[in-house]
Amino acid sequence: MDEIDQQIVALLRENARRSFQDIGTRVSLSPPAVKRRVDRLEAAGVIRAYTAVLDHVALGWTTHAVVSLFCEGNMSGSEILATAGRHPEVSAAYTVAGEASAILHLHARDTEHLEQALERLRDAPGIRRTQTQIVLSTLLERPVR
């Protein structure tokens, strides 16, 4: 990846809907040249997907919790992902070193909705217990640049 590729990636991270024309203007390339580079970045796996970043609060899901997930035995990361991925309230899942098996970020409409989501999570095979911390305010949340 050269400097121009890095600039293209940075521009797409800011706005994945940015046109090849706009990107080309900013990096001094023609739109077809930008498209070829983007195609190459996709083929190389540098760009894996394009997505919309949603505002949970604007969607009405104002309750945010960080949940430590404690699993039985040696539940693998793929098994944790399969379990967590079935719940629309789970916005992120990470395996971690330490006492917990994983850390999850959950978003819900309110505490009642959060409680229902936690009960569903705890009912899943292999899940021993959860430990939940409610987020009071978000001080910093930024994408990797």
N, C-alpha and C. Protein backbone atom coordinates (compact mmCIF):
# COMPACT_ATOMS: atom_id res chain seq x y z
N MET A 1 0.85 -1.18 0.00
CA MET A 1 0.00 0.00 0.00
C MET A 1 0.89 1.24 0.00
N ASP A 2 0.73 2.07 -1.01
CA ASP A 2 1.53 3.29 -1.06
C ASP A 2 0.77 4.45 -0.41
N GLU A 3 1.37 5.63 -0.46
CA GLU A 3 0.78 6.82 0.17
C GLU A 3 -0.58 7.16 -0.42
N ILE A 4 -0.73 7.03 -1.73
CA ILE A 4 -2.03 7.34 -2.36
C ILE A 4 -3.09 6.36 -1.88
N ASP A 5 -2.76 5.06 -1.80
CA ASP A 5 -3.71 4.08 -1.27
C ASP A 5 -4.12 4.45 0.15
N GLN A 6 -3.17 4.87 0.96
CA GLN A 6 -3.47 5.26 2.33
C GLN A 6 -4.41 6.46 2.36
N GLN A 7 -4.20 7.41 1.48
CA GLN A 7 -5.10 8.57 1.40
C GLN A 7 -6.50 8.14 0.97
N ILE A 8 -6.58 7.23 0.00
CA ILE A 8 -7.88 6.74 -0.46
C ILE A 8 -8.62 6.04 0.67
N VAL A 9 -7.91 5.18 1.40
CA VAL A 9 -8.52 4.47 2.53
C VAL A 9 -9.01 5.48 3.58
N ALA A 10 -8.20 6.49 3.88
CA ALA A 10 -8.60 7.50 4.87
C ALA A 10 -9.86 8.23 4.42
N LEU A 11 -9.94 8.57 3.14
CA LEU A 11 -11.12 9.26 2.62
C LEU A 11 -12.36 8.37 2.69
N LEU A 12 -12.20 7.10 2.36
CA LEU A 12 -13.34 6.17 2.43
C LEU A 12 -13.77 5.93 3.86
N ARG A 13 -12.83 5.95 4.80
CA ARG A 13 -13.20 5.77 6.20
C ARG A 13 -14.02 6.94 6.70
N GLU A 14 -13.71 8.14 6.20
CA GLU A 14 -14.50 9.31 6.59
C GLU A 14 -15.91 9.22 6.02
N ASN A 15 -16.01 8.72 4.77
CA ASN A 15 -17.30 8.63 4.11
C ASN A 15 -17.21 7.57 3.01
N ALA A 16 -17.75 6.40 3.28
CA ALA A 16 -17.66 5.29 2.34
C ALA A 16 -18.50 5.53 1.08
N ARG A 17 -19.34 6.54 1.09
CA ARG A 17 -20.16 6.86 -0.09
C ARG A 17 -19.51 7.92 -0.97
N ARG A 18 -18.31 8.31 -0.61
CA ARG A 18 -17.58 9.32 -1.39
C ARG A 18 -17.38 8.81 -2.82
N SER A 19 -17.58 9.66 -3.80
CA SER A 19 -17.46 9.23 -5.21
C SER A 19 -15.99 9.10 -5.61
N PHE A 20 -15.76 8.30 -6.65
CA PHE A 20 -14.41 8.17 -7.19
C PHE A 20 -13.93 9.52 -7.73
N GLN A 21 -14.87 10.31 -8.25
CA GLN A 21 -14.54 11.65 -8.73
C GLN A 21 -14.00 12.51 -7.59
N ASP A 22 -14.70 12.52 -6.46
CA ASP A 22 -14.28 13.32 -5.31
C ASP A 22 -12.92 12.84 -4.79
N ILE A 23 -12.78 11.53 -4.65
CA ILE A 23 -11.50 10.98 -4.17
C ILE A 23 -10.38 11.34 -5.14
N GLY A 24 -10.64 11.18 -6.44
CA GLY A 24 -9.63 11.50 -7.45
C GLY A 24 -9.18 12.94 -7.37
N THR A 25 -10.11 13.85 -7.16
CA THR A 25 -9.77 15.27 -7.03
C THR A 25 -8.83 15.48 -5.84
N ARG A 26 -9.07 14.78 -4.76
CA ARG A 26 -8.28 14.96 -3.54
C ARG A 26 -6.90 14.30 -3.61
N VAL A 27 -6.76 13.25 -4.42
CA VAL A 27 -5.47 12.54 -4.50
C VAL A 27 -4.81 12.70 -5.87
N SER A 28 -5.36 13.56 -6.70
CA SER A 28 -4.80 13.86 -8.03
C SER A 28 -4.76 12.64 -8.95
N LEU A 29 -5.87 11.91 -9.00
CA LEU A 29 -6.01 10.78 -9.92
C LEU A 29 -7.35 10.89 -10.64
N SER A 30 -7.46 10.24 -11.78
CA SER A 30 -8.74 10.19 -12.49
C SER A 30 -9.67 9.22 -11.76
N PRO A 31 -10.97 9.39 -11.93
CA PRO A 31 -11.91 8.45 -11.30
C PRO A 31 -11.64 6.98 -11.67
N PRO A 32 -11.34 6.64 -12.96
CA PRO A 32 -11.04 5.25 -13.27
C PRO A 32 -9.79 4.74 -12.53
N ALA A 33 -8.80 5.60 -12.35
CA ALA A 33 -7.58 5.19 -11.63
C ALA A 33 -7.91 4.92 -10.16
N VAL A 34 -8.78 5.75 -9.60
CA VAL A 34 -9.20 5.53 -8.20
C VAL A 34 -9.95 4.21 -8.10
N LYS A 35 -10.85 3.95 -9.04
CA LYS A 35 -11.62 2.70 -9.02
C LYS A 35 -10.69 1.49 -9.09
N ARG A 36 -9.69 1.55 -9.96
CA ARG A 36 -8.74 0.43 -10.05
C ARG A 36 -8.03 0.20 -8.72
N ARG A 37 -7.64 1.29 -8.08
CA ARG A 37 -6.95 1.16 -6.78
C ARG A 37 -7.90 0.59 -5.72
N VAL A 38 -9.13 1.08 -5.70
CA VAL A 38 -10.11 0.57 -4.73
C VAL A 38 -10.38 -0.91 -4.99
N ASP A 39 -10.53 -1.28 -6.25
CA ASP A 39 -10.73 -2.70 -6.59
C ASP A 39 -9.56 -3.54 -6.09
N ARG A 40 -8.34 -3.02 -6.26
CA ARG A 40 -7.14 -3.74 -5.80
C ARG A 40 -7.14 -3.86 -4.27
N LEU A 41 -7.52 -2.78 -3.58
CA LEU A 41 -7.57 -2.80 -2.11
C LEU A 41 -8.62 -3.80 -1.62
N GLU A 42 -9.74 -3.89 -2.34
CA GLU A 42 -10.77 -4.87 -1.99
C GLU A 42 -10.25 -6.29 -2.22
N ALA A 43 -9.62 -6.53 -3.36
CA ALA A 43 -9.10 -7.86 -3.69
C ALA A 43 -8.02 -8.30 -2.70
N ALA A 44 -7.24 -7.34 -2.20
CA ALA A 44 -6.18 -7.65 -1.24
C ALA A 44 -6.72 -7.82 0.19
N GLY A 45 -8.01 -7.53 0.39
CA GLY A 45 -8.60 -7.68 1.72
C GLY A 45 -8.38 -6.48 2.62
N VAL A 46 -7.78 -5.41 2.10
CA VAL A 46 -7.60 -4.20 2.91
C VAL A 46 -8.98 -3.60 3.19
N ILE A 47 -9.79 -3.50 2.16
CA ILE A 47 -11.18 -3.06 2.32
C ILE A 47 -12.04 -4.31 2.31
N ARG A 48 -12.66 -4.62 3.44
CA ARG A 48 -13.45 -5.85 3.54
C ARG A 48 -14.92 -5.60 3.29
N ALA A 49 -15.41 -4.40 3.64
CA ALA A 49 -16.84 -4.13 3.50
C ALA A 49 -17.08 -2.63 3.62
N TYR A 50 -18.25 -2.23 3.22
CA TYR A 50 -18.71 -0.86 3.40
C TYR A 50 -19.93 -0.94 4.30
N THR A 51 -20.06 0.00 5.21
CA THR A 51 -21.15 -0.09 6.17
C THR A 51 -21.67 1.30 6.53
N ALA A 52 -22.85 1.33 7.08
CA ALA A 52 -23.42 2.57 7.61
C ALA A 52 -23.19 2.59 9.11
N VAL A 53 -22.74 3.72 9.61
CA VAL A 53 -22.56 3.89 11.06
C VAL A 53 -23.83 4.53 11.58
N LEU A 54 -24.53 3.81 12.44
CA LEU A 54 -25.81 4.28 12.94
C LEU A 54 -25.67 4.91 14.32
N ASP A 55 -26.52 5.85 14.60
CA ASP A 55 -26.56 6.47 15.92
C ASP A 55 -27.64 5.76 16.72
N HIS A 56 -27.21 4.98 17.71
CA HIS A 56 -28.16 4.20 18.51
C HIS A 56 -29.19 5.08 19.21
N VAL A 57 -28.76 6.23 19.67
CA VAL A 57 -29.69 7.14 20.36
C VAL A 57 -30.76 7.63 19.39
N ALA A 58 -30.36 8.01 18.19
CA ALA A 58 -31.33 8.48 17.20
C ALA A 58 -32.32 7.38 16.83
N LEU A 59 -31.89 6.11 16.94
CA LEU A 59 -32.77 4.98 16.67
C LEU A 59 -33.67 4.64 17.85
N GLY A 60 -33.45 5.33 18.98
CA GLY A 60 -34.26 5.08 20.17
C GLY A 60 -33.68 4.05 21.10
N TRP A 61 -32.47 3.58 20.84
CA TRP A 61 -31.81 2.60 21.71
C TRP A 61 -30.84 3.38 22.59
N THR A 62 -31.36 3.98 23.65
CA THR A 62 -30.61 4.93 24.46
C THR A 62 -29.82 4.29 25.61
N THR A 63 -30.05 3.03 25.88
CA THR A 63 -29.34 2.35 26.96
C THR A 63 -28.17 1.57 26.39
N HIS A 64 -26.98 1.85 26.93
CA HIS A 64 -25.75 1.20 26.47
C HIS A 64 -25.14 0.51 27.68
N ALA A 65 -24.74 -0.74 27.48
CA ALA A 65 -24.13 -1.50 28.58
C ALA A 65 -22.88 -2.22 28.07
N VAL A 66 -21.94 -2.38 28.97
CA VAL A 66 -20.75 -3.19 28.71
C VAL A 66 -20.93 -4.44 29.56
N VAL A 67 -20.91 -5.59 28.92
CA VAL A 67 -21.24 -6.85 29.59
C VAL A 67 -20.05 -7.80 29.55
N SER A 68 -19.64 -8.25 30.72
CA SER A 68 -18.63 -9.31 30.79
C SER A 68 -19.38 -10.63 30.70
N LEU A 69 -18.91 -11.50 29.81
CA LEU A 69 -19.56 -12.78 29.56
C LEU A 69 -18.66 -13.88 30.12
N PHE A 70 -19.22 -14.71 30.98
CA PHE A 70 -18.48 -15.80 31.59
C PHE A 70 -19.04 -17.11 31.04
N CYS A 71 -18.18 -17.90 30.41
CA CYS A 71 -18.62 -19.11 29.72
C CYS A 71 -18.13 -20.36 30.45
N GLU A 72 -18.81 -21.46 30.20
CA GLU A 72 -18.41 -22.74 30.76
C GLU A 72 -17.27 -23.33 29.95
N GLY A 73 -16.34 -23.98 30.61
CA GLY A 73 -15.27 -24.69 29.90
C GLY A 73 -14.47 -23.80 28.98
N ASN A 74 -14.13 -24.35 27.85
CA ASN A 74 -13.32 -23.63 26.86
C ASN A 74 -14.16 -23.27 25.64
N MET A 75 -15.15 -22.45 25.83
CA MET A 75 -16.00 -22.02 24.72
C MET A 75 -15.13 -21.19 23.77
N SER A 76 -15.12 -21.55 22.51
CA SER A 76 -14.25 -20.88 21.54
C SER A 76 -14.82 -19.52 21.14
N GLY A 77 -13.95 -18.71 20.54
CA GLY A 77 -14.38 -17.41 20.06
C GLY A 77 -15.49 -17.52 19.03
N SER A 78 -15.41 -18.54 18.16
CA SER A 78 -16.46 -18.70 17.14
C SER A 78 -17.79 -19.09 17.79
N GLU A 79 -17.74 -19.86 18.87
CA GLU A 79 -18.99 -20.21 19.58
C GLU A 79 -19.57 -18.99 20.28
N ILE A 80 -18.70 -18.17 20.86
CA ILE A 80 -19.17 -16.93 21.50
C ILE A 80 -19.78 -16.01 20.45
N LEU A 81 -19.11 -15.89 19.29
CA LEU A 81 -19.63 -15.06 18.21
C LEU A 81 -20.99 -15.56 17.74
N ALA A 82 -21.13 -16.87 17.60
CA ALA A 82 -22.42 -17.44 17.16
C ALA A 82 -23.52 -17.10 18.16
N THR A 83 -23.21 -17.19 19.44
CA THR A 83 -24.19 -16.87 20.48
C THR A 83 -24.51 -15.38 20.49
N ALA A 84 -23.48 -14.54 20.55
CA ALA A 84 -23.68 -13.09 20.64
C ALA A 84 -24.32 -12.55 19.37
N GLY A 85 -23.95 -13.09 18.22
CA GLY A 85 -24.45 -12.61 16.94
C GLY A 85 -25.94 -12.81 16.74
N ARG A 86 -26.54 -13.70 17.51
CA ARG A 86 -27.99 -13.94 17.40
C ARG A 86 -28.81 -12.84 18.07
N HIS A 87 -28.16 -11.96 18.79
CA HIS A 87 -28.87 -10.93 19.56
C HIS A 87 -28.65 -9.56 18.92
N PRO A 88 -29.70 -8.94 18.40
CA PRO A 88 -29.53 -7.64 17.73
C PRO A 88 -29.03 -6.55 18.67
N GLU A 89 -29.18 -6.74 19.96
CA GLU A 89 -28.72 -5.75 20.93
C GLU A 89 -27.20 -5.71 21.05
N VAL A 90 -26.53 -6.78 20.65
CA VAL A 90 -25.07 -6.84 20.75
C VAL A 90 -24.46 -6.09 19.57
N SER A 91 -23.76 -5.00 19.87
CA SER A 91 -23.15 -4.19 18.80
C SER A 91 -21.67 -4.49 18.62
N ALA A 92 -21.05 -5.14 19.62
CA ALA A 92 -19.63 -5.51 19.50
C ALA A 92 -19.35 -6.65 20.48
N ALA A 93 -18.41 -7.50 20.11
CA ALA A 93 -18.02 -8.62 20.97
C ALA A 93 -16.52 -8.83 20.86
N TYR A 94 -15.87 -9.02 21.99
CA TYR A 94 -14.42 -9.19 22.02
C TYR A 94 -14.07 -10.33 22.96
N THR A 95 -13.19 -11.24 22.54
CA THR A 95 -12.64 -12.19 23.49
C THR A 95 -11.55 -11.45 24.25
N VAL A 96 -11.38 -11.82 25.53
CA VAL A 96 -10.43 -11.10 26.37
C VAL A 96 -9.64 -12.08 27.23
N ALA A 97 -8.48 -11.63 27.69
CA ALA A 97 -7.71 -12.38 28.67
C ALA A 97 -8.21 -11.96 30.04
N GLY A 98 -8.21 -12.87 30.97
CA GLY A 98 -8.69 -12.56 32.31
C GLY A 98 -9.81 -13.49 32.71
N GLU A 99 -10.53 -13.11 33.74
CA GLU A 99 -11.58 -13.97 34.28
C GLU A 99 -12.75 -14.15 33.31
N ALA A 100 -13.17 -13.07 32.67
CA ALA A 100 -14.28 -13.15 31.71
C ALA A 100 -13.80 -13.80 30.42
N SER A 101 -14.72 -14.43 29.71
CA SER A 101 -14.40 -15.02 28.41
C SER A 101 -14.48 -14.00 27.29
N ALA A 102 -15.41 -13.04 27.44
CA ALA A 102 -15.64 -12.04 26.40
C ALA A 102 -16.25 -10.78 27.01
N ILE A 103 -16.12 -9.70 26.28
CA ILE A 103 -16.76 -8.43 26.62
C ILE A 103 -17.69 -8.09 25.47
N LEU A 104 -18.92 -7.73 25.81
CA LEU A 104 -19.91 -7.36 24.80
C LEU A 104 -20.37 -5.93 25.03
N HIS A 105 -20.69 -5.24 23.95
CA HIS A 105 -21.37 -3.95 24.03
C HIS A 105 -22.80 -4.21 23.61
N LEU A 106 -23.74 -3.83 24.44
CA LEU A 106 -25.15 -3.98 24.13
C LEU A 106 -25.82 -2.62 24.09
N HIS A 107 -26.76 -2.46 23.17
CA HIS A 107 -27.59 -1.26 23.10
C HIS A 107 -29.05 -1.72 23.16
N ALA A 108 -29.85 -1.00 23.92
CA ALA A 108 -31.26 -1.35 24.09
C ALA A 108 -32.09 -0.08 24.21
N ARG A 109 -33.40 -0.26 24.05
CA ARG A 109 -34.29 0.90 24.16
C ARG A 109 -34.29 1.48 25.56
N ASP A 110 -34.28 0.59 26.56
CA ASP A 110 -34.35 1.02 27.96
C ASP A 110 -33.85 -0.13 28.82
N THR A 111 -33.91 0.01 30.14
CA THR A 111 -33.37 -1.04 31.02
C THR A 111 -34.21 -2.31 30.96
N GLU A 112 -35.50 -2.18 30.70
CA GLU A 112 -36.34 -3.38 30.58
C GLU A 112 -35.91 -4.20 29.35
N HIS A 113 -35.68 -3.53 28.24
CA HIS A 113 -35.22 -4.19 27.02
C HIS A 113 -33.84 -4.81 27.27
N LEU A 114 -32.95 -4.08 27.95
CA LEU A 114 -31.62 -4.60 28.28
C LEU A 114 -31.74 -5.86 29.13
N GLU A 115 -32.61 -5.84 30.12
CA GLU A 115 -32.79 -7.01 30.98
C GLU A 115 -33.27 -8.23 30.18
N GLN A 116 -34.18 -8.01 29.25
CA GLN A 116 -34.66 -9.10 28.40
C GLN A 116 -33.52 -9.67 27.55
N ALA A 117 -32.70 -8.78 26.99
CA ALA A 117 -31.57 -9.22 26.17
C ALA A 117 -30.58 -10.02 27.02
N LEU A 118 -30.31 -9.57 28.23
CA LEU A 118 -29.38 -10.28 29.11
C LEU A 118 -29.93 -11.65 29.49
N GLU A 119 -31.22 -11.73 29.74
CA GLU A 119 -31.84 -13.03 30.06
C GLU A 119 -31.70 -13.99 28.89
N ARG A 120 -31.93 -13.49 27.67
CA ARG A 120 -31.76 -14.34 26.49
C ARG A 120 -30.32 -14.79 26.34
N LEU A 121 -29.38 -13.90 26.59
CA LEU A 121 -27.96 -14.26 26.51
C LEU A 121 -27.62 -15.35 27.54
N ARG A 122 -28.08 -15.16 28.77
CA ARG A 122 -27.77 -16.13 29.83
C ARG A 122 -28.43 -17.48 29.61
N ASP A 123 -29.50 -17.52 28.82
CA ASP A 123 -30.17 -18.79 28.52
C ASP A 123 -29.44 -19.59 27.45
N ALA A 124 -28.48 -18.98 26.77
CA ALA A 124 -27.76 -19.67 25.69
C ALA A 124 -26.86 -20.77 26.26
N PRO A 125 -26.76 -21.90 25.58
CA PRO A 125 -25.88 -22.98 26.04
C PRO A 125 -24.43 -22.48 26.15
N GLY A 126 -23.79 -22.86 27.25
CA GLY A 126 -22.39 -22.52 27.47
C GLY A 126 -22.16 -21.21 28.20
N ILE A 127 -23.21 -20.41 28.37
CA ILE A 127 -23.07 -19.14 29.09
C ILE A 127 -23.37 -19.38 30.56
N ARG A 128 -22.39 -19.13 31.41
CA ARG A 128 -22.54 -19.36 32.85
C ARG A 128 -23.18 -18.16 33.54
N ARG A 129 -22.66 -16.95 33.24
CA ARG A 129 -23.22 -15.75 33.85
C ARG A 129 -22.74 -14.52 33.10
N THR A 130 -23.34 -13.39 33.44
CA THR A 130 -22.93 -12.10 32.88
C THR A 130 -22.70 -11.13 34.03
N GLN A 131 -21.90 -10.13 33.77
CA GLN A 131 -21.71 -9.02 34.71
C GLN A 131 -21.86 -7.75 33.88
N THR A 132 -22.80 -6.90 34.27
CA THR A 132 -23.20 -5.78 33.43
C THR A 132 -22.86 -4.44 34.08
N GLN A 133 -22.33 -3.55 33.25
CA GLN A 133 -22.10 -2.17 33.66
C GLN A 133 -22.86 -1.28 32.68
N ILE A 134 -23.72 -0.42 33.22
CA ILE A 134 -24.49 0.51 32.40
C ILE A 134 -23.61 1.74 32.12
N VAL A 135 -23.55 2.15 30.87
CA VAL A 135 -22.80 3.35 30.49
C VAL A 135 -23.68 4.56 30.80
N LEU A 136 -23.14 5.49 31.58
CA LEU A 136 -23.89 6.71 31.91
C LEU A 136 -23.73 7.77 30.83
N SER A 137 -22.51 7.93 30.33
CA SER A 137 -22.27 8.87 29.24
C SER A 137 -21.05 8.41 28.45
N THR A 138 -21.04 8.74 27.18
CA THR A 138 -19.92 8.40 26.31
C THR A 138 -19.02 9.63 26.22
N LEU A 139 -17.81 9.49 26.74
CA LEU A 139 -16.88 10.61 26.72
C LEU A 139 -16.07 10.67 25.44
N LEU A 140 -15.73 9.51 24.90
CA LEU A 140 -14.94 9.45 23.67
C LEU A 140 -15.25 8.16 22.96
N GLU A 141 -15.52 8.26 21.69
CA GLU A 141 -15.73 7.09 20.84
C GLU A 141 -15.34 7.51 19.44
N ARG A 142 -14.27 6.92 18.94
CA ARG A 142 -13.80 7.34 17.63
C ARG A 142 -13.34 6.15 16.80
N PRO A 143 -13.49 6.28 15.50
CA PRO A 143 -12.99 5.22 14.63
C PRO A 143 -11.48 5.29 14.55
N VAL A 144 -10.87 4.17 14.21
CA VAL A 144 -9.43 4.14 14.01
C VAL A 144 -9.11 4.93 12.74
N ARG A 145 -8.11 5.73 12.77
CA ARG A 145 -7.73 6.54 11.59
C ARG A 145 -6.50 5.97 10.95
